[in-house]
Amino acid sequence: SGAFVKIKYATQVRAAPPVFVFFANHPDGIRESYRRYLEGALREAFGFEGVPLTLVFKEK
């Protein structure tokens, strides 16, 4: 859409299976490639290798 996307914050809302909610000004503008990057970064940083993760993007 050409709009500048800024992720305001993220929180883990469920533990099993892990669900993370990201709040952004334009969540529809977050590309699939960046969503995969965020998922990979969470897996590496917090040891979620092999665990199904759900990332939800909402407007804030």
N, C-alpha and C. Protein backbone atom coordinates (compact mmCIF):
# COMPACT_ATOMS: atom_id res chain seq x y z
N SER A 1 0.81 -1.19 0.00
CA SER A 1 0.00 0.00 0.00
C SER A 1 0.86 1.26 0.00
N GLY A 2 2.18 1.11 0.22
CA GLY A 2 3.07 2.24 0.21
C GLY A 2 3.15 2.98 1.53
N ALA A 3 2.33 2.60 2.50
CA ALA A 3 2.35 3.26 3.80
C ALA A 3 3.50 2.72 4.64
N PHE A 4 4.08 3.58 5.45
CA PHE A 4 5.15 3.18 6.34
C PHE A 4 4.56 2.33 7.47
N VAL A 5 5.10 1.14 7.66
CA VAL A 5 4.60 0.23 8.68
C VAL A 5 5.51 0.28 9.90
N LYS A 6 4.90 0.46 11.06
CA LYS A 6 5.67 0.46 12.30
C LYS A 6 5.00 -0.51 13.27
N ILE A 7 5.78 -1.50 13.72
CA ILE A 7 5.28 -2.41 14.74
C ILE A 7 5.47 -1.72 16.08
N LYS A 8 4.37 -1.52 16.79
CA LYS A 8 4.41 -0.81 18.07
C LYS A 8 4.94 -1.72 19.18
N TYR A 9 4.36 -2.92 19.29
CA TYR A 9 4.82 -3.87 20.29
C TYR A 9 4.24 -5.24 19.97
N ALA A 10 4.74 -6.25 20.67
CA ALA A 10 4.26 -7.62 20.51
C ALA A 10 4.14 -8.25 21.88
N THR A 11 3.24 -9.21 21.99
CA THR A 11 3.06 -9.91 23.25
C THR A 11 2.69 -11.36 22.98
N GLN A 12 3.10 -12.23 23.88
CA GLN A 12 2.73 -13.64 23.77
C GLN A 12 1.42 -13.81 24.52
N VAL A 13 0.38 -14.29 23.81
CA VAL A 13 -0.94 -14.39 24.42
C VAL A 13 -1.33 -15.82 24.77
N ARG A 14 -0.54 -16.79 24.30
CA ARG A 14 -0.81 -18.19 24.60
C ARG A 14 0.51 -18.93 24.61
N ALA A 15 0.61 -19.95 25.49
CA ALA A 15 1.87 -20.66 25.64
C ALA A 15 1.91 -21.99 24.89
N ALA A 16 0.81 -22.72 24.84
CA ALA A 16 0.83 -24.04 24.22
C ALA A 16 -0.39 -24.22 23.32
N PRO A 17 -0.23 -24.08 22.01
CA PRO A 17 0.97 -23.69 21.28
C PRO A 17 1.19 -22.17 21.38
N PRO A 18 2.43 -21.73 21.19
CA PRO A 18 2.73 -20.30 21.33
C PRO A 18 2.01 -19.44 20.29
N VAL A 19 1.37 -18.39 20.77
CA VAL A 19 0.71 -17.41 19.90
C VAL A 19 1.23 -16.03 20.29
N PHE A 20 1.71 -15.29 19.29
CA PHE A 20 2.20 -13.93 19.50
C PHE A 20 1.32 -12.97 18.73
N VAL A 21 0.98 -11.85 19.36
CA VAL A 21 0.20 -10.81 18.69
C VAL A 21 1.11 -9.59 18.53
N PHE A 22 1.21 -9.12 17.30
CA PHE A 22 1.99 -7.93 16.97
C PHE A 22 1.01 -6.81 16.65
N PHE A 23 1.23 -5.66 17.27
CA PHE A 23 0.38 -4.50 17.02
C PHE A 23 1.16 -3.50 16.17
N ALA A 24 0.57 -3.11 15.05
CA ALA A 24 1.23 -2.22 14.10
C ALA A 24 0.24 -1.18 13.60
N ASN A 25 0.78 -0.10 13.05
CA ASN A 25 -0.09 0.95 12.52
C ASN A 25 -0.79 0.51 11.23
N HIS A 26 -0.13 -0.30 10.41
CA HIS A 26 -0.72 -0.81 9.16
C HIS A 26 -0.39 -2.30 9.03
N PRO A 27 -1.06 -3.17 9.79
CA PRO A 27 -0.69 -4.59 9.79
C PRO A 27 -0.83 -5.27 8.43
N ASP A 28 -1.74 -4.78 7.59
CA ASP A 28 -1.90 -5.39 6.26
C ASP A 28 -0.71 -5.09 5.36
N GLY A 29 0.10 -4.11 5.73
CA GLY A 29 1.26 -3.76 4.93
C GLY A 29 2.50 -4.56 5.26
N ILE A 30 2.42 -5.47 6.22
CA ILE A 30 3.57 -6.28 6.59
C ILE A 30 3.67 -7.44 5.61
N ARG A 31 4.77 -7.48 4.89
CA ARG A 31 4.96 -8.50 3.85
C ARG A 31 5.14 -9.89 4.44
N GLU A 32 4.78 -10.88 3.66
CA GLU A 32 4.92 -12.28 4.08
C GLU A 32 6.38 -12.62 4.39
N SER A 33 7.30 -12.06 3.63
CA SER A 33 8.72 -12.34 3.87
C SER A 33 9.15 -11.81 5.24
N TYR A 34 8.61 -10.67 5.66
CA TYR A 34 8.96 -10.13 6.98
C TYR A 34 8.28 -10.93 8.09
N ARG A 35 7.08 -11.43 7.82
CA ARG A 35 6.39 -12.28 8.80
C ARG A 35 7.21 -13.56 9.04
N ARG A 36 7.74 -14.14 7.97
CA ARG A 36 8.59 -15.33 8.11
C ARG A 36 9.88 -15.00 8.86
N TYR A 37 10.44 -13.82 8.60
CA TYR A 37 11.64 -13.38 9.32
C TYR A 37 11.35 -13.28 10.82
N LEU A 38 10.23 -12.66 11.19
CA LEU A 38 9.88 -12.53 12.60
C LEU A 38 9.70 -13.90 13.25
N GLU A 39 9.05 -14.80 12.54
CA GLU A 39 8.86 -16.15 13.07
C GLU A 39 10.20 -16.83 13.31
N GLY A 40 11.11 -16.73 12.36
CA GLY A 40 12.43 -17.32 12.50
C GLY A 40 13.22 -16.70 13.64
N ALA A 41 13.10 -15.39 13.80
CA ALA A 41 13.81 -14.70 14.89
C ALA A 41 13.28 -15.15 16.24
N LEU A 42 11.96 -15.32 16.36
CA LEU A 42 11.38 -15.81 17.61
C LEU A 42 11.84 -17.24 17.90
N ARG A 43 11.86 -18.06 16.86
CA ARG A 43 12.30 -19.45 17.04
C ARG A 43 13.73 -19.51 17.56
N GLU A 44 14.60 -18.71 16.95
CA GLU A 44 16.01 -18.74 17.32
C GLU A 44 16.25 -18.14 18.71
N ALA A 45 15.59 -17.03 18.99
CA ALA A 45 15.82 -16.33 20.26
C ALA A 45 15.27 -17.07 21.47
N PHE A 46 14.15 -17.79 21.27
CA PHE A 46 13.47 -18.38 22.42
C PHE A 46 13.35 -19.90 22.36
N GLY A 47 14.07 -20.53 21.42
CA GLY A 47 14.11 -21.98 21.37
C GLY A 47 12.82 -22.65 20.93
N PHE A 48 12.13 -22.05 19.97
CA PHE A 48 10.89 -22.62 19.47
C PHE A 48 11.09 -23.51 18.24
N GLU A 49 12.30 -24.03 18.05
CA GLU A 49 12.55 -24.88 16.89
C GLU A 49 11.64 -26.11 16.96
N GLY A 50 10.93 -26.40 15.87
CA GLY A 50 10.06 -27.56 15.80
C GLY A 50 8.70 -27.38 16.46
N VAL A 51 8.42 -26.19 16.97
CA VAL A 51 7.15 -25.91 17.64
C VAL A 51 6.29 -25.07 16.70
N PRO A 52 5.00 -25.40 16.54
CA PRO A 52 4.15 -24.57 15.68
C PRO A 52 3.88 -23.21 16.32
N LEU A 53 4.27 -22.15 15.64
CA LEU A 53 4.04 -20.79 16.13
C LEU A 53 2.91 -20.15 15.34
N THR A 54 2.14 -19.32 16.01
CA THR A 54 1.13 -18.52 15.34
C THR A 54 1.45 -17.05 15.59
N LEU A 55 1.55 -16.29 14.52
CA LEU A 55 1.77 -14.85 14.61
C LEU A 55 0.52 -14.15 14.10
N VAL A 56 -0.03 -13.26 14.91
CA VAL A 56 -1.23 -12.52 14.57
C VAL A 56 -0.84 -11.04 14.51
N PHE A 57 -1.33 -10.34 13.50
CA PHE A 57 -1.01 -8.93 13.33
C PHE A 57 -2.30 -8.12 13.41
N LYS A 58 -2.32 -7.15 14.34
CA LYS A 58 -3.51 -6.32 14.56
C LYS A 58 -3.13 -4.85 14.48
N GLU A 59 -4.16 -4.03 14.21
CA GLU A 59 -3.93 -2.59 14.14
C GLU A 59 -3.94 -1.98 15.53
N LYS A 60 -3.02 -1.07 15.74
CA LYS A 60 -2.94 -0.35 17.02
C LYS A 60 -2.95 1.13 16.73
